[in-house]
Protein backbone atom coordinates (compact mmCIF):
# COMPACT_ATOMS: atom_id res chain seq x y z
CA MET A 1 -57.04 -98.79 -26.36
CA ASN A 2 -53.86 -96.93 -25.93
CA SER A 3 -51.36 -97.79 -22.77
CA GLU A 4 -53.05 -95.99 -20.16
CA LEU A 5 -56.30 -97.22 -20.77
CA ARG A 6 -54.70 -100.60 -21.00
CA ASP A 7 -52.96 -99.92 -17.41
CA ILE A 8 -55.87 -99.26 -15.68
CA VAL A 9 -58.33 -102.61 -16.36
CA LYS A 10 -55.18 -104.18 -14.55
CA VAL A 11 -55.78 -102.01 -11.39
CA ASN A 12 -57.34 -102.76 -8.31
CA VAL A 13 -59.69 -100.11 -7.27
CA SER A 14 -60.46 -101.66 -4.00
CA ASP A 15 -56.57 -101.47 -3.44
CA PRO A 16 -56.93 -97.34 -2.33
CA ILE A 17 -52.96 -97.06 -2.33
CA GLY A 18 -52.23 -98.61 -4.95
CA LEU A 19 -55.07 -97.06 -6.98
CA ILE A 20 -52.78 -93.59 -5.32
CA ARG A 21 -49.85 -94.57 -6.48
CA TYR A 22 -51.93 -95.40 -10.63
CA ILE A 23 -53.13 -91.55 -10.84
CA SER A 24 -49.62 -89.85 -8.82
CA LYS A 25 -47.46 -92.29 -11.88
CA VAL A 26 -50.03 -91.05 -14.75
CA GLN A 27 -49.93 -87.46 -13.69
CA ASP A 28 -46.27 -87.08 -13.19
CA GLY A 29 -46.35 -89.15 -16.71
CA ASN A 30 -48.19 -85.65 -18.22
CA MET A 31 -46.58 -82.91 -18.35
CA GLY A 32 -49.74 -81.04 -19.83
CA PHE A 33 -52.19 -82.78 -16.67
CA GLN A 34 -51.08 -80.48 -14.04
CA SER A 35 -51.39 -77.47 -16.20
CA ARG A 36 -54.18 -77.93 -17.56
CA VAL A 37 -56.15 -78.28 -14.30
CA LYS A 38 -54.74 -75.11 -12.68
CA GLU A 39 -56.35 -73.45 -16.41
CA ALA A 40 -59.77 -75.05 -15.44
CA ALA A 41 -59.67 -73.42 -12.23
CA ARG A 42 -58.85 -70.45 -13.99
CA VAL A 43 -61.57 -70.57 -16.23
CA ALA A 44 -63.83 -71.01 -13.44
CA LYS A 45 -63.19 -67.91 -11.06
CA ALA A 46 -63.15 -65.73 -14.22
CA LYS A 47 -66.59 -66.78 -14.80
CA GLY A 48 -67.56 -66.19 -11.45
CA ALA A 49 -67.66 -70.30 -10.40
CA ASP A 50 -66.05 -71.33 -6.89
CA ALA A 51 -62.78 -72.86 -8.15
CA PRO A 52 -62.16 -75.74 -5.70
CA ASN A 53 -58.95 -76.23 -3.79
CA LEU A 54 -57.18 -78.87 -6.02
CA VAL A 55 -54.15 -80.82 -4.53
CA MET A 56 -52.40 -82.46 -6.94
CA MET A 57 -50.50 -86.25 -5.86
CA SER A 58 -46.94 -86.79 -6.61
CA THR A 59 -44.71 -89.75 -6.36
CA GLY A 60 -42.00 -87.50 -4.93
CA SER A 61 -39.95 -86.59 -8.31
CA ALA A 62 -36.92 -84.69 -7.55
CA LYS A 63 -36.63 -81.33 -8.35
CA ARG A 64 -34.99 -80.78 -12.35
CA HIS A 65 -34.81 -77.22 -11.75
CA VAL A 66 -34.47 -74.26 -9.54
CA LEU A 67 -34.93 -71.30 -11.18
CA VAL A 68 -34.73 -67.55 -9.58
CA VAL A 69 -36.12 -65.08 -12.16
CA GLY A 70 -34.86 -61.43 -10.87
CA ILE A 71 -38.38 -59.01 -11.68
CA SER A 72 -38.38 -55.33 -12.43
CA GLU A 73 -41.37 -53.29 -13.32
CA ASN A 74 -40.46 -53.45 -16.77
CA GLN A 75 -42.41 -55.38 -19.68
CA THR A 76 -39.80 -57.73 -20.57
CA CYS A 77 -39.71 -59.33 -17.57
CA GLN A 78 -43.51 -61.20 -18.34
CA THR A 79 -42.16 -62.03 -21.54
CA VAL A 80 -39.49 -63.36 -19.36
CA LEU A 81 -41.63 -65.99 -17.53
CA GLU A 82 -43.34 -66.57 -20.73
CA LEU A 83 -39.80 -67.98 -21.96
CA VAL A 84 -39.75 -69.38 -18.21
CA ASN A 85 -43.06 -71.53 -18.16
CA SER A 86 -41.84 -73.48 -21.43
CA LEU A 87 -38.16 -74.19 -19.89
CA VAL A 88 -40.27 -76.18 -16.86
CA ILE A 89 -42.29 -79.22 -15.66
CA PRO A 90 -45.45 -79.16 -14.13
CA GLY A 91 -44.86 -80.56 -11.38
CA ILE A 92 -41.28 -81.20 -10.68
CA ASP A 93 -39.93 -77.52 -10.79
CA GLU A 94 -39.50 -75.35 -8.60
CA ILE A 95 -39.66 -71.21 -9.46
CA HIS A 96 -38.64 -67.62 -7.29
CA LEU A 97 -39.89 -64.60 -8.35
CA ILE A 98 -36.90 -62.11 -6.41
CA HIS A 99 -37.58 -58.43 -6.47
CA ILE A 100 -35.15 -56.10 -5.05
CA CYS A 101 -36.64 -53.26 -2.98
CA LYS A 102 -34.33 -50.09 -3.22
CA ASN A 103 -36.40 -47.90 -0.92
CA PRO A 104 -37.91 -49.72 2.34
CA ASP A 105 -40.57 -47.57 2.40
CA LEU A 106 -42.12 -48.76 -1.10
CA ALA A 107 -42.07 -52.87 0.12
CA ALA A 108 -45.74 -52.98 0.16
CA ARG A 109 -46.24 -51.84 -3.57
CA ALA A 110 -43.42 -53.85 -4.46
CA HIS A 111 -45.23 -57.14 -2.89
CA LYS A 112 -48.55 -55.90 -4.99
CA MET A 113 -46.32 -55.59 -8.59
CA LEU A 114 -45.45 -58.90 -7.54
CA SER A 115 -48.58 -60.38 -6.85
CA GLN A 116 -49.46 -59.82 -10.70
CA PHE A 117 -46.49 -62.06 -11.78
CA ASP A 118 -47.66 -65.19 -12.39
CA ILE A 119 -46.75 -68.71 -14.18
CA LYS A 120 -49.48 -70.88 -16.09
CA SER A 121 -47.57 -74.39 -15.35
CA VAL A 122 -48.42 -75.89 -12.34
CA VAL A 123 -44.50 -75.37 -10.17
CA GLN A 124 -44.12 -74.47 -6.71
CA LEU A 125 -43.70 -70.78 -7.22
CA THR A 126 -42.38 -68.62 -4.66
CA ARG A 127 -41.92 -64.44 -4.63
CA HIS A 128 -39.98 -62.51 -2.52
CA VAL A 129 -39.42 -58.61 -1.65
CA LEU A 130 -35.90 -58.25 -0.77
CA ILE A 131 -34.78 -55.18 0.47
CA LEU A 132 -32.01 -53.32 -1.18
CA ALA A 133 -29.03 -52.97 2.09
CA PRO A 134 -26.37 -50.59 1.97
CA GLY A 135 -23.50 -51.42 0.00
CA VAL A 136 -24.76 -53.83 -1.37
CA SER A 137 -25.21 -54.02 -5.53
CA ILE A 138 -28.44 -55.09 -6.53
CA PRO A 139 -26.34 -57.87 -8.73
CA ASP A 140 -24.57 -59.23 -5.59
CA MET A 141 -27.84 -59.52 -3.47
CA LEU A 142 -29.45 -61.50 -6.66
CA THR A 143 -26.63 -63.49 -6.92
CA GLU A 144 -26.42 -64.09 -2.92
CA ARG A 145 -30.20 -65.44 -2.82
CA ALA A 146 -30.45 -67.19 -5.41
CA GLN A 147 -27.10 -69.26 -3.19
CA GLU A 148 -29.22 -69.31 -0.43
CA LEU A 149 -31.77 -71.19 -2.28
CA LYS A 150 -29.34 -73.23 -4.51
CA ALA A 151 -30.67 -72.37 -7.83
CA THR A 152 -29.60 -73.84 -11.22
CA LEU A 153 -31.30 -71.10 -12.91
CA LEU A 154 -30.81 -68.21 -12.21
CA VAL A 155 -33.43 -65.83 -15.23
CA ILE A 156 -33.11 -61.55 -15.23
CA ALA A 157 -34.41 -59.35 -17.93
CA SER A 158 -32.11 -56.85 -19.59
CA GLU A 159 -33.55 -53.54 -21.12
CA LYS A 160 -30.43 -52.04 -20.59
CA LEU A 161 -29.33 -53.90 -23.53
CA ASP A 162 -30.56 -53.17 -27.12
CA ARG A 163 -30.07 -53.73 -30.26
CA THR A 164 -27.45 -50.79 -30.24
CA GLY A 165 -24.17 -52.87 -28.65
CA GLU A 166 -23.50 -50.65 -25.93
CA PRO A 167 -24.99 -51.37 -22.43
CA LYS A 168 -26.77 -48.74 -20.83
CA MET A 169 -25.55 -47.62 -17.39
CA GLY A 170 -26.17 -50.08 -14.69
CA SER A 171 -26.34 -52.88 -16.47
CA VAL A 172 -27.81 -55.86 -13.88
CA ALA A 173 -26.65 -58.89 -16.59
CA ILE A 174 -23.20 -56.77 -17.93
CA THR A 175 -22.33 -56.98 -13.84
CA LEU A 176 -23.05 -60.18 -12.99
CA CYS A 177 -21.25 -61.35 -16.32
CA ARG A 178 -18.15 -59.40 -14.65
CA LYS A 179 -18.68 -61.66 -11.58
CA ASN A 180 -18.14 -65.32 -10.80
CA LEU A 181 -20.97 -67.51 -11.40
CA PHE A 182 -22.54 -69.36 -9.01
CA CYS A 183 -25.08 -71.26 -11.02
CA SER A 184 -26.16 -71.12 -15.23
CA VAL A 185 -27.51 -67.77 -16.24
CA LEU A 186 -30.08 -67.08 -18.82
CA ILE A 187 -30.12 -64.14 -19.86
CA VAL A 188 -33.40 -61.89 -22.23
CA LYS A 189 -33.07 -58.87 -24.07
CA SER A 190 -36.50 -56.46 -25.11
CA HIS A 191 -36.40 -57.44 -28.34
CA SER A 192 -36.08 -61.50 -27.73
CA THR A 193 -38.89 -62.90 -29.17
CA ALA A 194 -37.91 -66.27 -27.99
CA ALA A 195 -41.20 -66.41 -25.61
CA LYS A 196 -43.30 -65.75 -28.40
CA ASN A 197 -41.41 -68.57 -30.36
CA SER A 198 -41.43 -70.77 -27.53
CA THR A 199 -44.76 -72.15 -27.84
CA LEU A 200 -44.20 -73.69 -31.73
CA GLY A 201 -40.34 -74.42 -29.86
CA LEU A 202 -37.48 -72.56 -29.60
CA SER A 203 -34.28 -72.37 -31.55
CA TYR A 204 -30.67 -73.21 -29.77
CA VAL A 205 -27.02 -72.60 -30.89
CA VAL A 206 -24.44 -74.43 -28.69
CA GLY A 207 -20.89 -73.21 -29.87
CA VAL A 208 -19.53 -76.66 -28.47
CA ASP A 209 -15.62 -77.52 -28.25
CA VAL A 210 -13.46 -81.27 -27.08
CA ALA A 211 -14.74 -79.80 -23.16
CA ALA A 212 -18.26 -79.25 -23.85
CA LEU A 213 -20.27 -82.52 -22.77
CA ASP A 214 -21.48 -81.83 -19.65
CA MET A 215 -22.88 -78.18 -20.75
CA PHE A 216 -24.19 -80.34 -23.89
CA GLU A 217 -26.12 -82.48 -21.71
CA TRP A 218 -27.34 -80.10 -19.71
CA VAL A 219 -29.10 -78.61 -22.56
CA CYS A 220 -30.37 -81.30 -23.61
CA THR A 221 -32.22 -82.03 -20.61
CA LEU A 222 -33.64 -78.69 -20.38
CA ALA A 223 -35.04 -78.48 -23.89
CA ARG A 224 -38.05 -79.94 -24.82
CA SER A 225 -37.09 -82.86 -27.25
CA GLY A 226 -39.23 -83.50 -30.38
CA LYS A 227 -40.06 -79.74 -30.43
CA ASP A 228 -37.00 -77.27 -29.82
CA LYS A 229 -33.87 -77.32 -32.72
CA ILE A 230 -30.20 -77.34 -31.37
CA CYS A 231 -27.73 -76.25 -33.80
CA VAL A 232 -24.39 -77.09 -32.92
CA ALA A 233 -21.50 -74.99 -33.67
CA ASN A 234 -17.73 -75.57 -33.49
CA CYS A 235 -15.52 -72.30 -34.25
CA SER A 236 -11.81 -72.51 -35.12
CA GLY A 237 -11.07 -69.21 -33.41
CA MET A 238 -8.45 -68.49 -36.14
CA GLY A 239 -10.83 -66.15 -38.73
CA ASN A 240 -9.79 -65.59 -42.35
CA THR A 241 -6.01 -64.63 -41.45
CA ALA A 242 -4.46 -65.70 -44.58
CA GLY A 243 -2.07 -68.08 -44.92
CA MET A 244 -3.94 -70.09 -42.47
CA VAL A 245 -5.92 -73.28 -43.24
CA ARG A 246 -7.94 -75.04 -41.30
CA SER A 247 -8.13 -78.27 -40.38
CA THR A 248 -11.57 -80.00 -40.33
CA ASN A 249 -10.68 -83.42 -39.65
CA SER A 250 -10.84 -83.03 -35.45
CA ALA A 251 -13.75 -80.12 -35.35
CA THR A 252 -15.65 -82.39 -37.89
CA ASN A 253 -15.81 -85.37 -35.24
CA ILE A 254 -16.14 -82.30 -32.76
CA VAL A 255 -19.28 -81.10 -34.43
CA GLN A 256 -20.50 -85.00 -35.11
CA LYS A 257 -20.19 -86.88 -31.80
CA PHE A 258 -22.38 -83.63 -30.24
CA LYS A 259 -25.25 -83.85 -33.34
CA ASP A 260 -25.36 -87.98 -31.93
CA LYS A 261 -25.56 -87.44 -28.40
CA ALA A 262 -28.35 -84.71 -28.91
CA VAL A 263 -30.10 -87.36 -31.62
CA SER A 264 -30.44 -90.36 -28.91
CA ARG A 265 -31.60 -88.07 -26.86
CA GLY A 266 -34.63 -87.50 -28.86
CA PHE A 267 -33.43 -84.41 -31.32
CA MET A 268 -32.83 -83.71 -34.89
CA PRO A 269 -29.55 -81.67 -34.46
CA VAL A 270 -27.94 -79.00 -37.37
CA GLY A 271 -24.18 -79.12 -37.11
CA ARG A 272 -21.86 -75.82 -38.61
CA LEU A 273 -18.43 -75.59 -38.74
CA VAL A 274 -17.02 -71.65 -38.62
CA ASP A 275 -14.14 -70.20 -39.20
CA GLY A 276 -13.61 -67.59 -36.74
CA LYS A 277 -13.93 -66.60 -32.83
CA PRO A 278 -16.96 -67.18 -31.06
CA SER A 279 -17.62 -64.14 -30.01
CA VAL A 280 -17.72 -62.62 -33.61
CA GLU A 281 -19.23 -65.77 -35.49
CA LEU A 282 -21.83 -67.25 -33.45
CA PRO A 283 -24.27 -64.25 -32.57
CA GLN A 284 -23.87 -64.54 -36.56
CA LEU A 285 -25.01 -67.49 -36.73
CA ALA A 286 -28.00 -67.44 -34.23
CA HIS A 287 -29.15 -64.58 -35.93
CA HIS A 288 -29.05 -66.22 -39.99
CA LEU A 289 -30.79 -69.63 -38.95
CA GLN A 290 -33.02 -66.73 -36.48
CA ALA A 291 -32.66 -68.56 -33.43
CA ASP A 292 -33.71 -67.41 -29.96
CA ILE A 293 -30.60 -68.22 -27.25
CA VAL A 294 -26.94 -68.43 -27.83
CA VAL A 295 -25.43 -70.67 -25.46
CA VAL A 296 -21.70 -70.52 -23.80
CA SER A 297 -19.70 -72.16 -21.21
CA ALA A 298 -17.91 -70.65 -18.12
CA SER A 299 -14.90 -71.38 -16.32
CA LYS A 300 -15.60 -74.97 -14.94
CA LYS A 301 -13.82 -74.58 -12.77
CA SER A 302 -13.92 -70.50 -10.98
CA GLY A 303 -17.48 -69.41 -13.13
CA GLU A 304 -15.68 -66.58 -14.34
CA VAL A 305 -17.13 -65.38 -17.37
CA SER A 306 -14.53 -64.56 -20.50
CA LYS A 307 -14.53 -61.89 -22.75
CA GLY A 308 -15.81 -62.91 -24.88
CA THR A 309 -18.56 -64.04 -23.74
CA THR A 310 -19.90 -60.65 -22.35
CA ALA A 311 -18.71 -59.53 -26.56
CA ILE A 312 -21.70 -62.00 -26.60
CA LEU A 313 -23.85 -60.77 -24.93
CA LYS A 314 -23.08 -57.57 -25.79
CA ASP A 315 -23.74 -58.53 -29.46
CA PRO A 316 -26.68 -56.56 -30.81
CA LEU A 317 -27.28 -59.65 -32.95
CA THR A 318 -27.48 -61.74 -29.51
CA SER A 319 -31.35 -61.84 -28.06
CA ALA A 320 -30.78 -63.80 -25.07
CA LEU A 321 -27.56 -65.54 -24.07
CA LEU A 322 -27.33 -68.65 -21.68
CA ILE A 323 -24.52 -69.35 -19.44
CA TYR A 324 -23.58 -72.43 -18.32
CA ARG A 325 -22.67 -72.86 -15.08
CA PRO A 326 -21.16 -76.57 -13.94
CA PRO A 327 -23.62 -77.66 -11.16
CA GLU A 328 -20.95 -77.62 -7.69
CA GLU A 329 -21.01 -80.91 -5.93
CA GLY A 330 -23.23 -80.87 -4.09
CA ARG A 331 -25.36 -78.84 -5.49
CA ALA A 332 -28.64 -80.01 -7.35
CA THR A 333 -28.17 -80.79 -11.28
CA TRP A 334 -30.72 -81.07 -13.83
């Protein structure tokens, strides 16, 4: 007899409050439960049957994610939503889809377009159509709304960053990286296969140093233990300069520290010591390992994105980049 069956034997069915609490506990503890219920309703509707209105009970767990996803009329956005679906916990996380409309006369069309985008997981999903204000850029409006919603992760698809290595004019991703980030940002390029790979498990390459513990804890919370893979990489920053010998003692200790942290969270990590600059070596390592997402950190104090991080974003070998921005005081955390 499994643990859930053993527990239910102890439930007093004459105590309705106790029974409700038990059912809520089982639902919150089963990540796939609400997704299966929602899928069943979809199947019923597709067959022409009346799909019942389903109200999920919850113990009121605090939200782990507040994700803001920028949506435009390109194919990459649907792929990004498939990836986002693998990052959220049903019944706990919150998602906002935002489309910024340049022409007020096209607002109705924009609402119709946005209504076609959905998430399979049962999460609180809200759609927003914003009219671009005169003199305001799309990145500024996107960031402003993310702040209002207390976002912990801003997700955008980029079709203007591709395998050529040179961004096309008007890249929202590049413009965002020229500003101080309010929250963490995930940028997914058009050639990313992360959404396709997410079913079996995502693979992260995380650039670490002595100050990266908060970022790594955050990544371990975001990733799915037992399913996703984590590679911990420490770059010397020296390159192969003649006459310079890298001391591997401290670097080895750094990598081992993060590997131990990952193991304690249920992962089976690998570690890499790399001679060279992160801006060069991390994309190459991700390509070599066929990793889905490269993870680096913005400035802890200001949220400023370094030139090296921008170089990683522009690198054709980078298919998706997650830039961690430590949460500010009072902001929802993971």
